[in-house]
Amino acid sequence: MLFSYLEDVEIAKLKAENEALKQQLALLKRDHDLLQQAKAKLEFRLAELHRLIFSSRSERYLPNQEKLPNQLRFDFGELDPIEQAVDESDDGAKQVITYERKNKKHPGRHAIPDHLPTEEIRIEPSEDVSGAEHIADTIIDTLDYQPGSLIRRRFIFPRYLKTEVNEQGEEEPVFVQGRMPSRPLPKSIAEAGLLAHLITSKFVYHQPFYRQRQQFEQLYQVKLAKSTVNDWFRGVCTLLEPLYNRLKQKVLKSDYLQADETPLSVQDKQKSGKTHRGYQWVYHAPLEGLVLFDYHKGRGKDGPKAILSRFKGKLQTDGYAVYDQLVKRYKNIELIGCMAHARRYFFQAKDSEPEAENALAYFAQLYAIERSLRQAQANPELVRNTRQEQALPILNELFDWANKQQEQALPKSPFGKALKYLLQRQEKLTAYCEDERVQIDNNLVENSIRPLALGRKNYLFAGSHDAAQRIAMMYSFFASCKKQQVNPYQWLKAVLERLPDCSINQIEELLPGKWVEREEA
């Protein structure tokens, strides 16, 4: 009995130890899985950093032909040999192939436009040409550059003295003098051309004011104080504010908008030694060709809420949750997804998960359809029919494939997150097939943000929250000029000259689109 009891005790101990080892093994497996996930995440971040530093930023994917059986192949065939010879002198036979090809005609130098001012320089030969007959000229045109010049515009008002009869019938002397014409900043020495040059140089060509002041001093020996230039800019923005408000109204009248946001560092007196991270909210009306920048201190819902509370129609955005909240609150807004954002997650996941390339192959087919429609300048009916007949079946195949892959993919892996993003927005991503006016992605509004991204690398930050809103005003005008293919300098100069005498009822005629129509007429 004693031995049996001891044996049972020993077995119980072994079982307990076995259970403890099993628990310890389970913990080790869990820790191993967590470490593997952390390793995969770090490898993904490292690959992304490597791509951002060394690789191309383009997310366009060119799939293998095997993955796209319906896509045409490029087959250049074989060159037709004109003459073939085999050299048997060496151990290995060498085949020499010759063929004919047409020499491409070199286009030559670019012609210099005739409208440029021409300075003629006549160079006589060093030899004695007295008595020689002049038969022709050899002409060589070159290009040179002379810095633009500042102009001192001097207004001269002749004063005249004449005699007039007053109400009492008595003669009295009266001085007569002309009146100063309307100017954008009446008490300033700056004219419209100078103001337009300063502002377009900063916001179109990304040259901060302090660099421009250095150029003025070095090239023209004219010193402009920092406070003076800042006051000029502030005065111009005050003058343009009614036009900016009219632009905002025009954008919100559209029934189709694209929206995005981008950060901007702003100096804040309440944060000593640090800058505040504000946000420029950008709205693009593709049908009207107008862009609106609107500054807010944060990235919360207050920014788009202040603008979109009066908007009715289709709103195309990325997957930012703030827009989903607005749609739930404002029933008049229909949210459209961005195909480029859905593709981006698979593009980032393709290095860690080869299956992601299958999704990129589907996206490549969708974008090939859109590209062919643009090249053919298809009418709206053809766009809608082509999307319904060609793009929609591809989208259905994509989502069927994604549903099958989601069952096996790790939820927190880059591939799993890409699948989740795609499947959660299935209805929003297919909505562009129902409306021929809607773009496949949000890239047009992102392109409008690029000048701001380049500009903030040069001027680094805005001086205040009010300055950030003035920056938003200028980027709104210049982005709209770019959409309308309007010269930004000529537009701003003309607006500054006309705005002081323009009534509020006529102010819409100064918007980039209307301005171009009037100039063409």
Protein backbone atom coordinates (compact mmCIF):
# COMPACT_ATOMS: atom_id res chain seq x y z
CA MET A 1 0.00 0.00 0.00
CA LEU A 2 2.83 2.38 0.87
CA PHE A 3 4.54 1.83 -2.46
CA SER A 4 1.25 2.34 -4.30
CA TYR A 5 0.65 5.59 -2.39
CA LEU A 6 4.14 6.85 -3.16
CA GLU A 7 3.70 5.95 -6.79
CA ASP A 8 0.43 7.90 -6.97
CA VAL A 9 2.11 10.90 -5.33
CA GLU A 10 4.98 10.74 -7.80
CA ILE A 11 2.57 10.51 -10.72
CA ALA A 12 0.63 13.50 -9.40
CA LYS A 13 3.85 15.48 -9.11
CA LEU A 14 4.84 14.56 -12.66
CA LYS A 15 1.41 15.55 -13.93
CA ALA A 16 1.65 18.88 -12.10
CA GLU A 17 5.10 19.47 -13.53
CA ASN A 18 3.82 18.51 -16.98
CA GLU A 19 0.95 21.01 -16.70
CA ALA A 20 3.37 23.68 -15.52
CA LEU A 21 5.65 22.96 -18.48
CA LYS A 22 2.69 23.13 -20.84
CA GLN A 23 1.69 26.51 -19.41
CA GLN A 24 5.27 27.71 -19.65
CA LEU A 25 5.46 26.46 -23.25
CA ALA A 26 2.21 28.28 -24.08
CA LEU A 27 3.63 31.48 -22.58
CA LEU A 28 6.83 31.04 -24.56
CA LYS A 29 4.84 30.49 -27.74
CA ARG A 30 2.79 33.61 -27.03
CA ASP A 31 5.97 35.61 -26.39
CA HIS A 32 7.46 34.17 -29.57
CA ASP A 33 4.43 35.22 -31.60
CA LEU A 34 4.54 38.70 -30.10
CA LEU A 35 8.24 38.98 -30.88
CA GLN A 36 7.61 37.79 -34.43
CA GLN A 37 4.88 40.40 -34.85
CA ALA A 38 7.15 43.10 -33.42
CA LYS A 39 9.95 41.94 -35.72
CA ALA A 40 7.63 42.03 -38.74
CA LYS A 41 6.47 45.53 -37.78
CA LEU A 42 10.05 46.78 -37.42
CA GLU A 43 11.06 45.18 -40.71
CA PHE A 44 8.06 46.84 -42.38
CA ARG A 45 9.02 50.25 -40.96
CA LEU A 46 12.63 49.74 -42.03
CA ALA A 47 11.52 48.81 -45.55
CA GLU A 48 9.28 51.89 -45.70
CA LEU A 49 12.14 54.12 -44.52
CA HIS A 50 14.45 52.55 -47.09
CA ARG A 51 11.85 53.13 -49.81
CA LEU A 52 11.33 56.77 -48.81
CA ILE A 53 15.07 57.48 -48.82
CA PHE A 54 16.37 55.44 -51.74
CA SER A 55 13.41 54.37 -53.89
CA SER A 56 10.96 56.07 -56.17
CA ARG A 57 7.92 57.69 -54.54
CA SER A 58 5.62 56.48 -57.29
CA GLU A 59 3.08 53.81 -56.27
CA ARG A 60 2.28 52.77 -59.81
CA TYR A 61 2.58 49.00 -60.16
CA LEU A 62 3.46 47.20 -63.39
CA PRO A 63 2.29 43.59 -62.94
CA ASN A 64 3.58 40.46 -64.64
CA GLN A 65 1.75 39.38 -67.77
CA GLU A 66 0.79 36.07 -66.18
CA LYS A 67 -1.34 37.91 -63.62
CA LEU A 68 -3.20 39.89 -66.27
CA PRO A 69 -4.19 37.46 -69.04
CA ASN A 70 -6.50 40.02 -70.69
CA GLN A 71 -3.85 42.72 -70.97
CA LEU A 72 -2.12 43.15 -74.33
CA ARG A 73 1.52 42.12 -74.60
CA PHE A 74 4.20 44.16 -76.28
CA ASP A 75 5.91 42.01 -78.93
CA PHE A 76 8.45 43.80 -81.06
CA GLY A 77 9.28 40.62 -83.03
CA GLU A 78 12.73 39.97 -84.40
CA LEU A 79 14.88 42.26 -86.44
CA ASP A 80 15.07 41.17 -90.08
CA PRO A 81 18.73 40.53 -90.82
CA ILE A 82 19.96 41.88 -94.10
CA GLU A 83 23.26 40.12 -94.02
CA GLN A 84 24.46 37.30 -91.81
CA ALA A 85 27.90 35.73 -91.59
CA VAL A 86 29.38 33.03 -89.38
CA ASP A 87 32.97 33.24 -88.24
CA GLU A 88 34.35 29.70 -87.68
CA SER A 89 37.86 30.80 -86.78
CA ASP A 90 37.29 30.30 -83.04
CA ASP A 91 36.10 27.21 -81.23
CA GLY A 92 32.68 28.82 -80.67
CA ALA A 93 30.76 30.05 -83.69
CA LYS A 94 30.09 33.79 -83.77
CA GLN A 95 27.13 35.19 -85.66
CA VAL A 96 27.43 38.69 -87.09
CA ILE A 97 24.12 40.39 -87.83
CA THR A 98 23.79 43.64 -89.74
CA TYR A 99 20.61 45.57 -90.42
CA GLU A 100 19.47 48.91 -91.69
CA ARG A 101 17.79 51.63 -89.70
CA LYS A 102 16.73 55.17 -90.40
CA ASN A 103 18.75 57.94 -88.85
CA LYS A 104 16.58 60.19 -86.72
CA LYS A 105 16.73 63.80 -87.75
CA HIS A 106 18.12 65.91 -84.94
CA PRO A 107 15.64 68.67 -84.07
CA GLY A 108 18.48 71.16 -83.66
CA ARG A 109 18.56 74.03 -81.23
CA HIS A 110 15.37 75.42 -79.82
CA ALA A 111 14.31 78.47 -81.78
CA ILE A 112 14.52 81.73 -79.85
CA PRO A 113 11.11 83.46 -79.85
CA ASP A 114 10.85 86.61 -81.97
CA HIS A 115 8.97 88.57 -79.31
CA LEU A 116 12.05 88.88 -77.09
CA PRO A 117 13.90 92.23 -77.12
CA THR A 118 16.90 91.98 -79.43
CA GLU A 119 20.26 93.65 -78.94
CA GLU A 120 22.28 93.60 -82.16
CA ILE A 121 26.07 93.43 -81.95
CA ARG A 122 27.88 93.89 -85.26
CA ILE A 123 31.37 92.39 -85.38
CA GLU A 124 33.52 93.50 -88.30
CA PRO A 125 36.46 91.36 -89.46
CA SER A 126 39.93 92.30 -88.29
CA GLU A 127 41.21 92.37 -91.86
CA ASP A 128 41.02 95.45 -94.08
CA VAL A 129 37.72 95.29 -96.02
CA SER A 130 37.89 98.66 -97.77
CA GLY A 131 36.68 98.19 -101.30
CA ALA A 132 35.20 94.75 -100.52
CA GLU A 133 31.64 93.91 -101.55
CA HIS A 134 29.19 92.99 -98.74
CA ILE A 135 27.36 89.88 -99.92
CA ALA A 136 25.58 88.48 -96.83
CA ASP A 137 25.50 88.28 -93.02
CA THR A 138 26.14 85.30 -90.81
CA ILE A 139 23.70 85.55 -87.91
CA ILE A 140 24.10 83.68 -84.62
CA ASP A 141 21.41 84.13 -81.95
CA THR A 142 22.17 83.54 -78.27
CA LEU A 143 20.24 84.04 -75.04
CA ASP A 144 21.31 86.26 -72.18
CA TYR A 145 19.66 87.36 -68.96
CA GLN A 146 19.41 90.77 -67.34
CA PRO A 147 17.82 91.07 -63.91
CA GLY A 148 14.41 92.67 -63.89
CA SER A 149 14.43 96.27 -62.79
CA LEU A 150 12.49 98.20 -60.21
CA ILE A 151 10.74 101.29 -61.52
CA ARG A 152 10.21 104.49 -59.63
CA ARG A 153 6.77 105.67 -60.67
CA ARG A 154 6.54 109.41 -60.12
CA PHE A 155 3.09 110.98 -60.08
CA ILE A 156 3.16 114.65 -61.01
CA PHE A 157 0.05 116.71 -60.29
CA PRO A 158 0.10 120.13 -61.97
CA ARG A 159 -1.70 122.73 -59.90
CA TYR A 160 -3.67 125.43 -61.61
CA LEU A 161 -5.14 128.65 -60.36
CA LYS A 162 -8.33 129.88 -61.92
CA THR A 163 -11.01 132.32 -61.02
CA GLU A 164 -14.59 131.26 -60.31
CA VAL A 165 -17.69 133.14 -59.32
CA ASN A 166 -19.15 132.11 -55.97
CA GLU A 167 -22.79 132.08 -54.90
CA GLN A 168 -22.59 135.75 -53.90
CA GLY A 169 -21.48 136.67 -57.42
CA GLU A 170 -17.97 137.50 -56.34
CA GLU A 171 -14.86 136.27 -58.08
CA GLU A 172 -12.45 134.16 -56.03
CA PRO A 173 -9.28 132.18 -56.82
CA VAL A 174 -9.59 128.37 -56.93
CA PHE A 175 -6.74 125.84 -57.05
CA VAL A 176 -7.29 122.85 -59.40
CA GLN A 177 -5.25 119.66 -59.22
CA GLY A 178 -5.69 116.05 -60.46
CA ARG A 179 -6.63 113.23 -58.11
CA MET A 180 -4.51 110.22 -57.25
CA PRO A 181 -5.78 107.08 -59.06
CA SER A 182 -6.98 104.14 -57.00
CA ARG A 183 -4.17 101.94 -55.71
CA PRO A 184 -4.22 98.63 -53.77
CA LEU A 185 -2.53 100.17 -50.70
CA PRO A 186 -3.18 103.95 -50.84
CA LYS A 187 -0.66 104.95 -48.13
CA SER A 188 2.08 102.64 -49.34
CA ILE A 189 4.81 103.14 -51.94
CA ALA A 190 4.18 99.63 -53.32
CA GLU A 191 2.29 99.35 -56.59
CA ALA A 192 0.28 96.35 -57.81
CA GLY A 193 3.14 94.93 -59.89
CA LEU A 194 5.59 94.90 -56.98
CA LEU A 195 3.04 93.40 -54.58
CA ALA A 196 2.11 90.70 -57.09
CA HIS A 197 5.79 89.88 -57.65
CA LEU A 198 6.55 89.54 -53.93
CA ILE A 199 3.53 87.35 -53.22
CA THR A 200 3.79 85.07 -56.26
CA SER A 201 7.52 84.62 -55.67
CA LYS A 202 6.76 83.34 -52.18
CA PHE A 203 3.69 81.19 -52.76
CA VAL A 204 4.22 80.02 -56.35
CA TYR A 205 8.02 79.85 -56.56
CA HIS A 206 8.63 79.16 -52.84
CA GLN A 207 10.98 82.07 -52.16
CA PRO A 208 10.50 83.50 -48.63
CA PHE A 209 10.24 87.24 -48.12
CA TYR A 210 13.63 87.51 -46.41
CA ARG A 211 15.40 86.04 -49.47
CA GLN A 212 13.55 88.43 -51.74
CA ARG A 213 14.62 91.36 -49.56
CA GLN A 214 18.23 90.18 -49.88
CA GLN A 215 17.87 90.05 -53.66
CA PHE A 216 16.40 93.55 -53.80
CA GLU A 217 19.32 94.90 -51.82
CA GLN A 218 21.98 93.05 -53.85
CA LEU A 219 20.52 93.54 -57.34
CA TYR A 220 18.81 96.93 -57.08
CA GLN A 221 20.41 98.54 -53.97
CA VAL A 222 16.95 98.97 -52.45
CA LYS A 223 16.47 98.06 -48.80
CA LEU A 224 13.03 96.87 -47.73
CA ALA A 225 12.38 96.42 -44.01
CA LYS A 226 10.93 93.14 -42.81
CA SER A 227 8.03 94.91 -41.09
CA THR A 228 7.28 96.89 -44.26
CA VAL A 229 6.97 93.80 -46.46
CA ASN A 230 4.87 92.03 -43.82
CA ASP A 231 2.56 95.05 -43.60
CA TRP A 232 2.19 95.04 -47.38
CA PHE A 233 1.25 91.37 -47.36
CA ARG A 234 -1.24 91.88 -44.54
CA GLY A 235 -2.81 94.81 -46.39
CA VAL A 236 -3.16 92.81 -49.62
CA CYS A 237 -4.84 89.95 -47.76
CA THR A 238 -7.28 92.39 -46.16
CA LEU A 239 -8.09 93.74 -49.62
CA LEU A 240 -8.56 90.21 -51.05
CA GLU A 241 -10.68 88.88 -48.18
CA PRO A 242 -14.06 89.56 -49.90
CA LEU A 243 -12.79 87.72 -52.98
CA TYR A 244 -11.68 84.78 -50.81
CA ASN A 245 -15.13 84.61 -49.21
CA ARG A 246 -16.71 84.58 -52.67
CA LEU A 247 -14.38 81.77 -53.67
CA LYS A 248 -15.50 79.81 -50.62
CA GLN A 249 -19.14 80.27 -51.59
CA LYS A 250 -18.44 79.08 -55.16
CA VAL A 251 -16.65 75.96 -53.94
CA LEU A 252 -19.44 75.04 -51.54
CA LYS A 253 -22.07 75.46 -54.27
CA SER A 254 -20.58 72.48 -56.08
CA ASP A 255 -22.19 69.08 -55.50
CA TYR A 256 -18.89 67.20 -55.78
CA LEU A 257 -15.84 67.98 -53.62
CA GLN A 258 -12.54 66.33 -52.82
CA ALA A 259 -11.08 66.97 -49.37
CA ASP A 260 -7.76 66.43 -47.64
CA GLU A 261 -5.67 68.03 -44.89
CA THR A 262 -1.99 68.79 -44.33
CA PRO A 263 -0.02 70.09 -41.32
CA LEU A 264 1.59 73.51 -40.98
CA SER A 265 3.91 74.68 -38.18
CA VAL A 266 2.73 77.95 -36.61
CA GLN A 267 4.40 80.18 -34.06
CA ASP A 268 2.31 80.48 -30.91
CA LYS A 269 2.97 82.96 -28.11
CA GLN A 270 1.61 80.47 -25.58
CA LYS A 271 4.27 77.88 -26.54
CA SER A 272 7.67 79.32 -25.78
CA GLY A 273 10.41 77.83 -27.95
CA LYS A 274 8.01 75.54 -29.80
CA THR A 275 5.68 75.78 -32.77
CA HIS A 276 2.04 74.79 -32.87
CA ARG A 277 0.98 72.06 -35.32
CA GLY A 278 -1.94 73.53 -37.23
CA TYR A 279 -3.73 72.10 -40.26
CA GLN A 280 -4.70 73.40 -43.65
CA TRP A 281 -7.94 71.76 -44.79
CA VAL A 282 -8.13 71.67 -48.57
CA TYR A 283 -11.30 71.37 -50.68
CA HIS A 284 -11.19 70.91 -54.45
CA ALA A 285 -14.18 71.29 -56.76
CA PRO A 286 -13.08 69.32 -59.87
CA LEU A 287 -16.03 70.41 -62.01
CA GLU A 288 -15.50 74.12 -61.34
CA GLY A 289 -11.68 73.98 -61.20
CA LEU A 290 -11.54 75.85 -57.87
CA VAL A 291 -9.53 75.07 -54.71
CA LEU A 292 -10.13 76.29 -51.16
CA PHE A 293 -7.59 76.21 -48.32
CA ASP A 294 -8.99 76.74 -44.83
CA TYR A 295 -6.75 76.90 -41.75
CA HIS A 296 -7.65 75.50 -38.33
CA LYS A 297 -5.59 74.96 -35.22
CA GLY A 298 -6.25 71.21 -35.03
CA ARG A 299 -7.12 68.13 -37.01
CA GLY A 300 -10.41 67.52 -35.22
CA LYS A 301 -13.89 67.67 -36.67
CA ASP A 302 -14.25 71.42 -36.03
CA GLY A 303 -12.31 72.21 -39.20
CA PRO A 304 -14.41 70.37 -41.80
CA LYS A 305 -17.57 70.91 -39.75
CA ALA A 306 -17.32 74.68 -40.18
CA ILE A 307 -17.11 74.28 -43.98
CA LEU A 308 -19.14 71.18 -44.80
CA SER A 309 -22.16 71.94 -42.62
CA ARG A 310 -23.59 73.84 -45.63
CA PHE A 311 -22.41 71.39 -48.28
CA LYS A 312 -24.74 68.99 -50.14
CA GLY A 313 -23.40 66.37 -52.51
CA LYS A 314 -20.58 63.87 -52.95
CA LEU A 315 -17.45 64.19 -50.82
CA GLN A 316 -14.36 62.20 -51.82
CA THR A 317 -11.79 61.66 -49.07
CA ASP A 318 -9.28 59.22 -47.66
CA GLY A 319 -10.16 56.97 -44.70
CA TYR A 320 -9.90 59.64 -41.98
CA ALA A 321 -12.59 58.95 -39.37
CA VAL A 322 -13.60 62.62 -39.01
CA TYR A 323 -15.30 62.53 -42.41
CA ASP A 324 -17.29 59.43 -41.43
CA GLN A 325 -18.54 61.27 -38.34
CA LEU A 326 -19.63 64.24 -40.45
CA VAL A 327 -21.56 62.00 -42.83
CA LYS A 328 -23.46 60.48 -39.92
CA ARG A 329 -24.40 63.95 -38.73
CA TYR A 330 -25.13 65.60 -42.09
CA LYS A 331 -27.31 63.29 -44.17
CA ASN A 332 -26.88 65.41 -47.32
CA ILE A 333 -23.26 64.27 -47.77
CA GLU A 334 -22.39 61.07 -49.64
CA LEU A 335 -18.87 59.81 -48.93
CA ILE A 336 -16.76 58.53 -51.83
CA GLY A 337 -13.58 56.50 -51.28
CA CYS A 338 -10.09 57.02 -52.72
CA MET A 339 -8.65 54.12 -54.72
CA ALA A 340 -5.10 55.46 -54.39
CA HIS A 341 -5.23 55.16 -50.58
CA ALA A 342 -6.54 51.59 -50.82
CA ARG A 343 -3.74 50.73 -53.25
CA ARG A 344 -1.11 52.39 -51.04
CA TYR A 345 -1.55 49.92 -48.19
CA PHE A 346 -1.04 46.95 -50.53
CA PHE A 347 1.95 48.65 -52.09
CA GLN A 348 3.51 49.01 -48.64
CA ALA A 349 2.71 45.37 -47.80
CA LYS A 350 4.06 43.76 -50.98
CA ASP A 351 7.61 43.35 -49.61
CA SER A 352 6.41 41.42 -46.56
CA GLU A 353 3.54 39.54 -48.23
CA PRO A 354 3.82 38.50 -51.94
CA GLU A 355 0.01 38.02 -52.12
CA ALA A 356 -0.32 41.82 -52.03
CA GLU A 357 0.89 41.91 -55.63
CA ASN A 358 -2.34 40.26 -56.72
CA ALA A 359 -4.26 43.25 -55.38
CA LEU A 360 -1.85 45.63 -57.11
CA ALA A 361 -2.52 43.78 -60.36
CA TYR A 362 -6.26 44.48 -59.99
CA PHE A 363 -5.57 48.16 -59.24
CA ALA A 364 -3.33 48.37 -62.32
CA GLN A 365 -6.23 47.19 -64.50
CA LEU A 366 -8.57 49.79 -62.98
CA TYR A 367 -6.12 52.62 -63.56
CA ALA A 368 -5.41 51.40 -67.09
CA ILE A 369 -9.12 51.83 -67.86
CA GLU A 370 -9.12 55.39 -66.48
CA ARG A 371 -5.95 56.23 -68.39
CA SER A 372 -7.42 55.02 -71.69
CA LEU A 373 -10.58 57.09 -71.09
CA ARG A 374 -8.53 60.24 -70.49
CA GLN A 375 -6.40 59.66 -73.57
CA ALA A 376 -9.50 59.14 -75.70
CA GLN A 377 -11.16 62.24 -74.15
CA ALA A 378 -14.26 60.13 -73.67
CA ASN A 379 -17.64 61.79 -73.20
CA PRO A 380 -19.54 61.29 -69.92
CA GLU A 381 -21.79 58.56 -71.31
CA LEU A 382 -18.82 56.53 -72.56
CA VAL A 383 -17.06 56.95 -69.21
CA ARG A 384 -20.07 55.64 -67.30
CA ASN A 385 -20.65 52.68 -69.63
CA THR A 386 -16.98 51.69 -69.67
CA ARG A 387 -16.77 51.75 -65.90
CA GLN A 388 -19.92 49.66 -65.59
CA GLU A 389 -18.84 47.11 -68.18
CA GLN A 390 -15.11 46.87 -67.46
CA ALA A 391 -14.20 48.38 -64.09
CA LEU A 392 -17.07 47.03 -61.98
CA PRO A 393 -16.36 43.33 -62.74
CA ILE A 394 -12.70 43.87 -61.82
CA LEU A 395 -13.75 45.47 -58.54
CA ASN A 396 -16.03 42.54 -57.74
CA GLU A 397 -13.17 40.11 -58.38
CA LEU A 398 -10.91 42.20 -56.17
CA PHE A 399 -13.32 42.15 -53.23
CA ASP A 400 -14.01 38.41 -53.63
CA TRP A 401 -10.28 37.77 -53.55
CA ALA A 402 -9.87 40.05 -50.51
CA ASN A 403 -12.60 38.22 -48.56
CA LYS A 404 -10.82 34.90 -49.10
CA GLN A 405 -7.44 36.33 -48.13
CA GLN A 406 -8.74 37.95 -44.95
CA GLU A 407 -9.51 34.54 -43.45
CA GLN A 408 -5.82 33.62 -43.48
CA ALA A 409 -4.06 36.98 -43.06
CA LEU A 410 -2.80 38.20 -39.68
CA PRO A 411 -5.07 41.11 -38.68
CA LYS A 412 -2.25 43.34 -37.42
CA SER A 413 0.15 42.63 -40.29
CA PRO A 414 0.53 45.24 -43.09
CA PHE A 415 -1.29 42.86 -45.45
CA GLY A 416 -4.10 42.31 -42.95
CA LYS A 417 -4.53 46.05 -42.42
CA ALA A 418 -4.62 46.59 -46.18
CA LEU A 419 -7.38 44.01 -46.56
CA LYS A 420 -9.36 45.50 -43.69
CA TYR A 421 -9.10 49.03 -45.14
CA LEU A 422 -10.24 47.76 -48.53
CA LEU A 423 -13.20 45.64 -47.35
CA GLN A 424 -14.51 48.26 -44.92
CA ARG A 425 -14.84 50.74 -47.80
CA GLN A 426 -16.22 48.49 -50.52
CA GLU A 427 -19.31 50.59 -51.20
CA LYS A 428 -17.36 53.86 -51.14
CA LEU A 429 -14.66 52.55 -53.47
CA THR A 430 -17.11 51.31 -56.08
CA ALA A 431 -19.26 54.48 -56.01
CA TYR A 432 -17.20 56.19 -58.74
CA CYS A 433 -18.59 53.69 -61.24
CA GLU A 434 -22.09 55.13 -60.71
CA ASP A 435 -21.18 58.76 -61.51
CA GLU A 436 -19.07 59.63 -64.54
CA ARG A 437 -18.07 62.98 -62.99
CA VAL A 438 -16.36 61.37 -60.00
CA GLN A 439 -12.64 60.63 -60.09
CA ILE A 440 -11.23 57.22 -59.23
CA ASP A 441 -9.07 58.71 -56.47
CA ASN A 442 -8.32 61.83 -54.47
CA ASN A 443 -5.05 62.64 -56.25
CA LEU A 444 -6.25 65.95 -57.70
CA VAL A 445 -6.67 67.54 -54.29
CA GLU A 446 -3.37 66.04 -53.12
CA ASN A 447 -1.67 67.63 -56.13
CA SER A 448 -3.08 70.99 -55.00
CA ILE A 449 -1.30 70.54 -51.66
CA ARG A 450 2.14 70.07 -53.20
CA PRO A 451 2.96 73.80 -53.48
CA LEU A 452 2.26 74.18 -49.76
CA ALA A 453 4.50 71.17 -48.99
CA LEU A 454 7.32 72.78 -50.99
CA GLY A 455 6.70 76.22 -49.53
CA ARG A 456 6.83 75.19 -45.88
CA LYS A 457 10.27 73.63 -46.48
CA ASN A 458 11.48 77.13 -47.35
CA TYR A 459 9.68 79.44 -44.94
CA LEU A 460 9.43 76.66 -42.27
CA PHE A 461 6.46 78.08 -40.32
CA ALA A 462 3.75 80.72 -40.20
CA GLY A 463 4.30 83.66 -37.86
CA SER A 464 0.87 83.40 -36.23
CA HIS A 465 -2.52 81.76 -36.59
CA ASP A 466 -3.75 84.82 -38.49
CA ALA A 467 -0.76 84.53 -40.82
CA ALA A 468 -1.60 80.86 -41.39
CA GLN A 469 -5.09 81.85 -42.54
CA ARG A 470 -3.59 84.46 -44.87
CA ILE A 471 -1.36 81.72 -46.27
CA ALA A 472 -4.48 79.63 -46.84
CA MET A 473 -6.02 82.52 -48.76
CA MET A 474 -3.06 82.82 -51.13
CA TYR A 475 -2.76 79.10 -51.78
CA SER A 476 -6.48 79.03 -52.57
CA PHE A 477 -6.10 81.66 -55.27
CA PHE A 478 -2.92 80.28 -56.80
CA ALA A 479 -4.12 76.66 -56.78
CA SER A 480 -7.29 77.81 -58.56
CA CYS A 481 -5.16 79.72 -61.08
CA LYS A 482 -3.22 76.53 -61.78
CA LYS A 483 -6.43 74.56 -62.32
CA GLN A 484 -7.69 77.25 -64.71
CA GLN A 485 -4.29 77.56 -66.46
CA VAL A 486 -4.08 81.24 -65.53
CA ASN A 487 -0.79 83.08 -65.11
CA PRO A 488 -0.75 83.76 -61.33
CA TYR A 489 1.30 86.95 -61.51
CA GLN A 490 -0.78 88.52 -64.26
CA TRP A 491 -3.98 87.53 -62.47
CA LEU A 492 -2.95 88.95 -59.09
CA LYS A 493 -1.60 92.17 -60.62
CA ALA A 494 -4.84 92.72 -62.55
CA VAL A 495 -6.97 91.95 -59.48
CA LEU A 496 -5.01 94.36 -57.27
CA GLU A 497 -5.43 97.09 -59.87
CA ARG A 498 -9.19 96.56 -60.28
CA LEU A 499 -10.33 95.51 -56.83
CA PRO A 500 -10.21 98.97 -55.14
CA ASP A 501 -12.87 100.26 -57.60
CA CYS A 502 -14.83 97.01 -57.88
CA SER A 503 -18.29 96.78 -56.35
CA ILE A 504 -19.24 93.78 -54.23
CA ASN A 505 -21.73 92.68 -56.90
CA GLN A 506 -18.97 92.43 -59.52
CA ILE A 507 -16.33 90.79 -57.35
CA GLU A 508 -17.06 87.31 -58.68
CA GLU A 509 -15.77 88.43 -62.09
CA LEU A 510 -12.27 88.59 -60.59
CA LEU A 511 -12.11 84.87 -59.69
CA PRO A 512 -9.57 82.95 -61.82
CA GLY A 513 -12.15 81.14 -63.96
CA LYS A 514 -14.27 84.24 -64.62
CA TRP A 515 -11.16 86.35 -65.18
CA VAL A 516 -9.94 84.04 -67.94
CA GLU A 517 -13.36 84.07 -69.62
CA ARG A 518 -13.41 87.88 -69.60
CA GLU A 519 -9.85 88.14 -70.92
CA GLU A 520 -10.61 85.72 -73.78
CA ALA A 521 -13.79 87.61 -74.65
